[in-house]
């Protein structure tokens, strides 16, 4: 199932669900997404990677994200 707190961070829940599903299928999921932050909506480069928990052997997900709002806004301004 969907990790509730993960999905709530995204402006578009469908984007969060897609990243989550791809990662649970064993594929590294990468996208640039709008996320809700304490400072407002920002664009984040998200990488969701499946990883095995060495203790339990269960699949976990490793999330790496970087704020790329400045880059996205600059690209949109040029378009």
PDB file of N, CA and C in Angstrom:
ATOM      1  N   UNK A   1       0.808  -1.202   0.000  1.00  0.00           N
ATOM      2  CA  UNK A   1       0.000   0.000   0.000  1.00  0.00           C
ATOM      3  C   UNK A   1       0.845   1.258   0.000  1.00  0.00           C
ATOM      4  N   UNK A   2       0.177   2.345  -0.140  1.00  0.00           N
ATOM      5  CA  UNK A   2       0.798   3.670  -0.179  1.00  0.00           C
ATOM      6  C   UNK A   2       1.200   4.105   1.233  1.00  0.00           C
ATOM      7  N   UNK A   3       2.367   4.646   1.370  1.00  0.00           N
ATOM      8  CA  UNK A   3       2.780   5.256   2.629  1.00  0.00           C
ATOM      9  C   UNK A   3       2.101   6.614   2.723  1.00  0.00           C
ATOM     10  N   UNK A   4       1.210   6.752   3.673  1.00  0.00           N
ATOM     11  CA  UNK A   4       0.374   7.950   3.743  1.00  0.00           C
ATOM     12  C   UNK A   4       1.189   9.237   3.803  1.00  0.00           C
ATOM     13  N   UNK A   5       2.185   9.305   4.656  1.00  0.00           N
ATOM     14  CA  UNK A   5       2.948  10.549   4.787  1.00  0.00           C
ATOM     15  C   UNK A   5       3.734  10.861   3.514  1.00  0.00           C
ATOM     16  N   UNK A   6       4.154   9.848   2.794  1.00  0.00           N
ATOM     17  CA  UNK A   6       4.864  10.063   1.531  1.00  0.00           C
ATOM     18  C   UNK A   6       3.952  10.766   0.538  1.00  0.00           C
ATOM     19  N   UNK A   7       2.771  10.239   0.314  1.00  0.00           N
ATOM     20  CA  UNK A   7       1.844  10.783  -0.659  1.00  0.00           C
ATOM     21  C   UNK A   7       1.320  12.157  -0.311  1.00  0.00           C
ATOM     22  N   UNK A   8       1.161  12.424   0.969  1.00  0.00           N
ATOM     23  CA  UNK A   8       0.627  13.720   1.403  1.00  0.00           C
ATOM     24  C   UNK A   8       1.563  14.875   1.084  1.00  0.00           C
ATOM     25  N   UNK A   9       2.821  14.590   0.865  1.00  0.00           N
ATOM     26  CA  UNK A   9       3.795  15.642   0.572  1.00  0.00           C
ATOM     27  C   UNK A   9       3.687  16.158  -0.854  1.00  0.00           C
ATOM     28  N   UNK A  10       3.064  15.400  -1.731  1.00  0.00           N
ATOM     29  CA  UNK A  10       3.000  15.738  -3.149  1.00  0.00           C
ATOM     30  C   UNK A  10       1.778  16.586  -3.460  1.00  0.00           C
ATOM     31  N   UNK A  11       1.923  17.519  -4.394  1.00  0.00           N
ATOM     32  CA  UNK A  11       0.788  18.310  -4.863  1.00  0.00           C
ATOM     33  C   UNK A  11      -0.189  17.385  -5.587  1.00  0.00           C
ATOM     34  N   UNK A  12       0.343  16.442  -6.370  1.00  0.00           N
ATOM     35  CA  UNK A  12      -0.483  15.498  -7.129  1.00  0.00           C
ATOM     36  C   UNK A  12      -0.272  14.095  -6.570  1.00  0.00           C
ATOM     37  N   UNK A  13      -1.306  13.552  -5.915  1.00  0.00           N
ATOM     38  CA  UNK A  13      -1.200  12.227  -5.306  1.00  0.00           C
ATOM     39  C   UNK A  13      -0.906  11.147  -6.342  1.00  0.00           C
ATOM     40  N   UNK A  14      -1.409  11.296  -7.562  1.00  0.00           N
ATOM     41  CA  UNK A  14      -1.168  10.295  -8.601  1.00  0.00           C
ATOM     42  C   UNK A  14       0.327  10.167  -8.912  1.00  0.00           C
ATOM     43  N   UNK A  15       1.056  11.269  -8.881  1.00  0.00           N
ATOM     44  CA  UNK A  15       2.506  11.246  -9.113  1.00  0.00           C
ATOM     45  C   UNK A  15       3.194  10.470  -7.994  1.00  0.00           C
ATOM     46  N   UNK A  16       2.792  10.731  -6.764  1.00  0.00           N
ATOM     47  CA  UNK A  16       3.364  10.018  -5.615  1.00  0.00           C
ATOM     48  C   UNK A  16       3.088   8.524  -5.728  1.00  0.00           C
ATOM     49  N   UNK A  17       1.852   8.165  -6.061  1.00  0.00           N
ATOM     50  CA  UNK A  17       1.484   6.759  -6.177  1.00  0.00           C
ATOM     51  C   UNK A  17       2.269   6.056  -7.273  1.00  0.00           C
ATOM     52  N   UNK A  18       2.512   6.752  -8.377  1.00  0.00           N
ATOM     53  CA  UNK A  18       3.279   6.170  -9.484  1.00  0.00           C
ATOM     54  C   UNK A  18       4.733   5.913  -9.068  1.00  0.00           C
ATOM     55  N   UNK A  19       5.352   6.881  -8.420  1.00  0.00           N
ATOM     56  CA  UNK A  19       6.727   6.691  -7.936  1.00  0.00           C
ATOM     57  C   UNK A  19       6.788   5.514  -6.968  1.00  0.00           C
ATOM     58  N   UNK A  20       5.853   5.464  -6.042  1.00  0.00           N
ATOM     59  CA  UNK A  20       5.791   4.418  -5.020  1.00  0.00           C
ATOM     60  C   UNK A  20       5.639   3.043  -5.679  1.00  0.00           C
ATOM     61  N   UNK A  21       4.697   2.944  -6.626  1.00  0.00           N
ATOM     62  CA  UNK A  21       4.435   1.664  -7.282  1.00  0.00           C
ATOM     63  C   UNK A  21       5.640   1.185  -8.090  1.00  0.00           C
ATOM     64  N   UNK A  22       6.278   2.085  -8.826  1.00  0.00           N
ATOM     65  CA  UNK A  22       7.457   1.696  -9.620  1.00  0.00           C
ATOM     66  C   UNK A  22       8.563   1.198  -8.715  1.00  0.00           C
ATOM     67  N   UNK A  23       8.788   1.885  -7.600  1.00  0.00           N
ATOM     68  CA  UNK A  23       9.851   1.473  -6.680  1.00  0.00           C
ATOM     69  C   UNK A  23       9.529   0.124  -6.041  1.00  0.00           C
ATOM     70  N   UNK A  24       8.281  -0.094  -5.670  1.00  0.00           N
ATOM     71  CA  UNK A  24       7.907  -1.381  -5.075  1.00  0.00           C
ATOM     72  C   UNK A  24       8.012  -2.520  -6.070  1.00  0.00           C
ATOM     73  N   UNK A  25       7.942  -2.207  -7.373  1.00  0.00           N
ATOM     74  CA  UNK A  25       8.126  -3.224  -8.411  1.00  0.00           C
ATOM     75  C   UNK A  25       9.601  -3.526  -8.656  1.00  0.00           C
ATOM     76  N   UNK A  26      10.486  -2.853  -7.912  1.00  0.00           N
ATOM     77  CA  UNK A  26      11.913  -3.129  -8.013  1.00  0.00           C
ATOM     78  C   UNK A  26      12.673  -2.209  -8.939  1.00  0.00           C
ATOM     79  N   UNK A  27      12.032  -1.158  -9.414  1.00  0.00           N
ATOM     80  CA  UNK A  27      12.661  -0.214 -10.330  1.00  0.00           C
ATOM     81  C   UNK A  27      12.952   1.094  -9.605  1.00  0.00           C
ATOM     82  N   UNK A  28      14.116   1.665  -9.825  1.00  0.00           N
ATOM     83  CA  UNK A  28      14.376   2.999  -9.288  1.00  0.00           C
ATOM     84  C   UNK A  28      13.482   3.981 -10.023  1.00  0.00           C
ATOM     85  N   UNK A  29      12.711   4.739  -9.257  1.00  0.00           N
ATOM     86  CA  UNK A  29      11.761   5.684  -9.834  1.00  0.00           C
ATOM     87  C   UNK A  29      12.327   7.094  -9.694  1.00  0.00           C
ATOM     88  N   UNK A  30      12.366   7.831 -10.797  1.00  0.00           N
ATOM     89  CA  UNK A  30      12.942   9.177 -10.812  1.00  0.00           C
ATOM     90  C   UNK A  30      11.959  10.128 -11.476  1.00  0.00           C
ATOM     91  N   UNK A  31      11.757  11.290 -10.852  1.00  0.00           N
ATOM     92  CA  UNK A  31      10.871  12.295 -11.438  1.00  0.00           C
ATOM     93  C   UNK A  31      11.147  13.637 -10.777  1.00  0.00           C
ATOM     94  N   UNK A  32      10.725  14.694 -11.427  1.00  0.00           N
ATOM     95  CA  UNK A  32      10.733  16.035 -10.842  1.00  0.00           C
ATOM     96  C   UNK A  32       9.284  16.360 -10.530  1.00  0.00           C
ATOM     97  N   UNK A  33       8.997  16.626  -9.258  1.00  0.00           N
ATOM     98  CA  UNK A  33       7.617  16.729  -8.789  1.00  0.00           C
ATOM     99  C   UNK A  33       7.418  17.976  -7.940  1.00  0.00           C
ATOM    100  N   UNK A  34       6.172  18.453  -7.939  1.00  0.00           N
ATOM    101  CA  UNK A  34       5.802  19.531  -7.028  1.00  0.00           C
ATOM    102  C   UNK A  34       5.488  18.916  -5.668  1.00  0.00           C
ATOM    103  N   UNK A  35       6.137  19.440  -4.629  1.00  0.00           N
ATOM    104  CA  UNK A  35       5.900  18.943  -3.276  1.00  0.00           C
ATOM    105  C   UNK A  35       5.553  20.101  -2.351  1.00  0.00           C
ATOM    106  N   UNK A  36       4.822  19.756  -1.301  1.00  0.00           N
ATOM    107  CA  UNK A  36       4.436  20.738  -0.297  1.00  0.00           C
ATOM    108  C   UNK A  36       5.532  20.800   0.768  1.00  0.00           C
ATOM    109  N   UNK A  37       6.030  22.004   1.028  1.00  0.00           N
ATOM    110  CA  UNK A  37       7.044  22.199   2.064  1.00  0.00           C
ATOM    111  C   UNK A  37       6.546  23.274   3.024  1.00  0.00           C
ATOM    112  N   UNK A  38       7.180  23.415   4.183  1.00  0.00           N
ATOM    113  CA  UNK A  38       6.777  24.487   5.108  1.00  0.00           C
ATOM    114  C   UNK A  38       6.872  25.874   4.470  1.00  0.00           C
ATOM    115  N   UNK A  39       7.734  26.018   3.449  1.00  0.00           N
ATOM    116  CA  UNK A  39       7.888  27.294   2.761  1.00  0.00           C
ATOM    117  C   UNK A  39       6.990  27.458   1.548  1.00  0.00           C
ATOM    118  N   UNK A  40       6.102  26.502   1.321  1.00  0.00           N
ATOM    119  CA  UNK A  40       5.219  26.551   0.160  1.00  0.00           C
ATOM    120  C   UNK A  40       5.529  25.436  -0.819  1.00  0.00           C
ATOM    121  N   UNK A  41       4.901  25.480  -1.978  1.00  0.00           N
ATOM    122  CA  UNK A  41       5.102  24.451  -2.996  1.00  0.00           C
ATOM    123  C   UNK A  41       6.454  24.665  -3.671  1.00  0.00           C
ATOM    124  N   UNK A  42       7.219  23.580  -3.778  1.00  0.00           N
ATOM    125  CA  UNK A  42       8.540  23.607  -4.404  1.00  0.00           C
ATOM    126  C   UNK A  42       8.636  22.458  -5.393  1.00  0.00           C
ATOM    127  N   UNK A  43       9.594  22.521  -6.297  1.00  0.00           N
ATOM    128  CA  UNK A  43       9.888  21.435  -7.221  1.00  0.00           C
ATOM    129  C   UNK A  43      11.067  20.638  -6.672  1.00  0.00           C
ATOM    130  N   UNK A  44      10.900  19.331  -6.549  1.00  0.00           N
ATOM    131  CA  UNK A  44      11.976  18.472  -6.047  1.00  0.00           C
ATOM    132  C   UNK A  44      12.270  17.361  -7.044  1.00  0.00           C
ATOM    133  N   UNK A  45      13.561  17.116  -7.250  1.00  0.00           N
ATOM    134  CA  UNK A  45      14.012  15.966  -8.022  1.00  0.00           C
ATOM    135  C   UNK A  45      13.987  14.789  -7.056  1.00  0.00           C
ATOM    136  N   UNK A  46      13.131  13.798  -7.339  1.00  0.00           N
ATOM    137  CA  UNK A  46      12.936  12.657  -6.442  1.00  0.00           C
ATOM    138  C   UNK A  46      13.516  11.393  -7.059  1.00  0.00           C
ATOM    139  N   UNK A  47      14.225  10.637  -6.234  1.00  0.00           N
ATOM    140  CA  UNK A  47      14.714   9.320  -6.622  1.00  0.00           C
ATOM    141  C   UNK A  47      14.255   8.362  -5.519  1.00  0.00           C
ATOM    142  N   UNK A  48      13.434   7.385  -5.888  1.00  0.00           N
ATOM    143  CA  UNK A  48      12.938   6.398  -4.935  1.00  0.00           C
ATOM    144  C   UNK A  48      13.519   5.049  -5.349  1.00  0.00           C
ATOM    145  N   UNK A  49      14.357   4.495  -4.473  1.00  0.00           N
ATOM    146  CA  UNK A  49      15.095   3.278  -4.780  1.00  0.00           C
ATOM    147  C   UNK A  49      14.679   2.151  -3.837  1.00  0.00           C
ATOM    148  N   UNK A  50      14.352   0.982  -4.385  1.00  0.00           N
ATOM    149  CA  UNK A  50      14.055  -0.148  -3.506  1.00  0.00           C
ATOM    150  C   UNK A  50      15.333  -0.651  -2.845  1.00  0.00           C
ATOM    151  N   UNK A  51      15.220  -1.063  -1.593  1.00  0.00           N
ATOM    152  CA  UNK A  51      16.373  -1.571  -0.858  1.00  0.00           C
ATOM    153  C   UNK A  51      15.900  -2.631   0.126  1.00  0.00           C
ATOM    154  N   UNK A  52      16.680  -3.671   0.294  1.00  0.00           N
ATOM    155  CA  UNK A  52      16.333  -4.707   1.255  1.00  0.00           C
ATOM    156  C   UNK A  52      16.830  -4.322   2.640  1.00  0.00           C
ATOM    157  N   UNK A  53      15.961  -4.475   3.624  1.00  0.00           N
ATOM    158  CA  UNK A  53      16.350  -4.253   5.015  1.00  0.00           C
ATOM    159  C   UNK A  53      17.224  -5.436   5.421  1.00  0.00           C
ATOM    160  N   UNK A  54      18.470  -5.185   5.836  1.00  0.00           N
ATOM    161  CA  UNK A  54      19.368  -6.295   6.150  1.00  0.00           C
ATOM    162  C   UNK A  54      18.941  -7.101   7.375  1.00  0.00           C
ATOM    163  N   UNK A  55      18.137  -6.519   8.236  1.00  0.00           N
ATOM    164  CA  UNK A  55      17.699  -7.222   9.444  1.00  0.00           C
ATOM    165  C   UNK A  55      16.470  -8.078   9.172  1.00  0.00           C
ATOM    166  N   UNK A  56      15.453  -7.474   8.536  1.00  0.00           N
ATOM    167  CA  UNK A  56      14.186  -8.177   8.335  1.00  0.00           C
ATOM    168  C   UNK A  56      14.087  -8.880   6.993  1.00  0.00           C
ATOM    169  N   UNK A  57      14.892  -8.450   6.016  1.00  0.00           N
ATOM    170  CA  UNK A  57      14.795  -9.001   4.680  1.00  0.00           C
ATOM    171  C   UNK A  57      13.637  -8.431   3.880  1.00  0.00           C
ATOM    172  N   UNK A  58      12.891  -7.489   4.464  1.00  0.00           N
ATOM    173  CA  UNK A  58      11.765  -6.884   3.770  1.00  0.00           C
ATOM    174  C   UNK A  58      12.239  -5.744   2.877  1.00  0.00           C
ATOM    175  N   UNK A  59      11.443  -5.456   1.854  1.00  0.00           N
ATOM    176  CA  UNK A  59      11.760  -4.363   0.946  1.00  0.00           C
ATOM    177  C   UNK A  59      11.420  -3.037   1.604  1.00  0.00           C
ATOM    178  N   UNK A  60      12.359  -2.137   1.532  1.00  0.00           N
ATOM    179  CA  UNK A  60      12.149  -0.769   1.982  1.00  0.00           C
ATOM    180  C   UNK A  60      12.411   0.156   0.817  1.00  0.00           C
ATOM    181  N   UNK A  61      12.091   1.419   0.989  1.00  0.00           N
ATOM    182  CA  UNK A  61      12.326   2.393  -0.074  1.00  0.00           C
ATOM    183  C   UNK A  61      13.214   3.507   0.445  1.00  0.00           C
ATOM    184  N   UNK A  62      14.248   3.817  -0.306  1.00  0.00           N
ATOM    185  CA  UNK A  62      15.171   4.892   0.024  1.00  0.00           C
ATOM    186  C   UNK A  62      14.793   6.095  -0.832  1.00  0.00           C
ATOM    187  N   UNK A  63      14.504   7.210  -0.195  1.00  0.00           N
ATOM    188  CA  UNK A  63      14.107   8.429  -0.904  1.00  0.00           C
ATOM    189  C   UNK A  63      15.251   9.434  -0.857  1.00  0.00           C
ATOM    190  N   UNK A  64      15.637   9.907  -2.035  1.00  0.00           N
ATOM    191  CA  UNK A  64      16.616  10.982  -2.148  1.00  0.00           C
ATOM    192  C   UNK A  64      15.925  12.109  -2.893  1.00  0.00           C
ATOM    193  N   UNK A  65      15.977  13.313  -2.344  1.00  0.00           N
ATOM    194  CA  UNK A  65      15.328  14.431  -3.030  1.00  0.00           C
ATOM    195  C   UNK A  65      16.162  15.694  -2.900  1.00  0.00           C
ATOM    196  N   UNK A  66      16.101  16.492  -3.952  1.00  0.00           N
ATOM    197  CA  UNK A  66      16.825  17.764  -3.993  1.00  0.00           C
ATOM    198  C   UNK A  66      15.882  18.836  -4.513  1.00  0.00           C
ATOM    199  N   UNK A  67      15.915  19.982  -3.900  1.00  0.00           N
ATOM    200  CA  UNK A  67      15.091  21.105  -4.332  1.00  0.00           C
ATOM    201  C   UNK A  67      15.695  21.674  -5.618  1.00  0.00           C
ATOM    202  N   UNK A  68      14.911  21.627  -6.692  1.00  0.00           N
ATOM    203  CA  UNK A  68      15.372  22.132  -7.992  1.00  0.00           C
ATOM    204  C   UNK A  68      14.436  23.229  -8.500  1.00  0.00           C
ATOM    205  N   UNK A  69      13.769  23.910  -7.584  1.00  0.00           N
ATOM    206  CA  UNK A  69      12.788  24.928  -7.947  1.00  0.00           C
ATOM    207  C   UNK A  69      13.388  26.007  -8.839  1.00  0.00           C
ATOM    208  N   UNK A  70      14.554  26.501  -8.495  1.00  0.00           N
ATOM    209  CA  UNK A  70      15.183  27.578  -9.273  1.00  0.00           C
ATOM    210  C   UNK A  70      15.406  27.125 -10.710  1.00  0.00           C
ATOM    211  N   UNK A  71      15.901  25.915 -10.892  1.00  0.00           N
ATOM    212  CA  UNK A  71      16.149  25.392 -12.240  1.00  0.00           C
ATOM    213  C   UNK A  71      14.842  25.237 -13.020  1.00  0.00           C
ATOM    214  N   UNK A  72      13.816  24.662 -12.385  1.00  0.00           N
ATOM    215  CA  UNK A  72      12.540  24.440 -13.078  1.00  0.00           C
ATOM    216  C   UNK A  72      11.916  25.765 -13.487  1.00  0.00           C
ATOM    217  N   UNK A  73      11.934  26.752 -12.597  1.00  0.00           N
ATOM    218  CA  UNK A  73      11.352  28.058 -12.925  1.00  0.00           C
ATOM    219  C   UNK A  73      12.121  28.738 -14.044  1.00  0.00           C
ATOM    220  N   UNK A  74      13.441  28.604 -14.054  1.00  0.00           N
ATOM    221  CA  UNK A  74      14.250  29.187 -15.131  1.00  0.00           C
ATOM    222  C   UNK A  74      13.931  28.506 -16.465  1.00  0.00           C
ATOM    223  N   UNK A  75      13.763  27.175 -16.442  1.00  0.00           N
ATOM    224  CA  UNK A  75      13.429  26.453 -17.669  1.00  0.00           C
ATOM    225  C   UNK A  75      12.037  26.862 -18.172  1.00  0.00           C
ATOM    226  N   UNK A  76      11.105  27.034 -17.255  1.00  0.00           N
ATOM    227  CA  UNK A  76       9.745  27.449 -17.646  1.00  0.00           C
ATOM    228  C   UNK A  76       9.753  28.869 -18.228  1.00  0.00           C
ATOM    229  N   UNK A  77      10.583  29.730 -17.695  1.00  0.00           N
ATOM    230  CA  UNK A  77      10.656  31.112 -18.183  1.00  0.00           C
ATOM    231  C   UNK A  77      11.209  31.181 -19.595  1.00  0.00           C
ATOM    232  N   UNK A  78      12.100  30.238 -19.950  1.00  0.00           N
ATOM    233  CA  UNK A  78      12.692  30.200 -21.292  1.00  0.00           C
ATOM    234  C   UNK A  78      11.756  29.586 -22.312  1.00  0.00           C
ATOM    235  N   UNK A  79      10.794  28.798 -21.857  1.00  0.00           N
ATOM    236  CA  UNK A  79       9.886  28.079 -22.791  1.00  0.00           C
ATOM    237  C   UNK A  79       8.857  29.014 -23.409  1.00  0.00           C
TER     238      UNK A  79
END
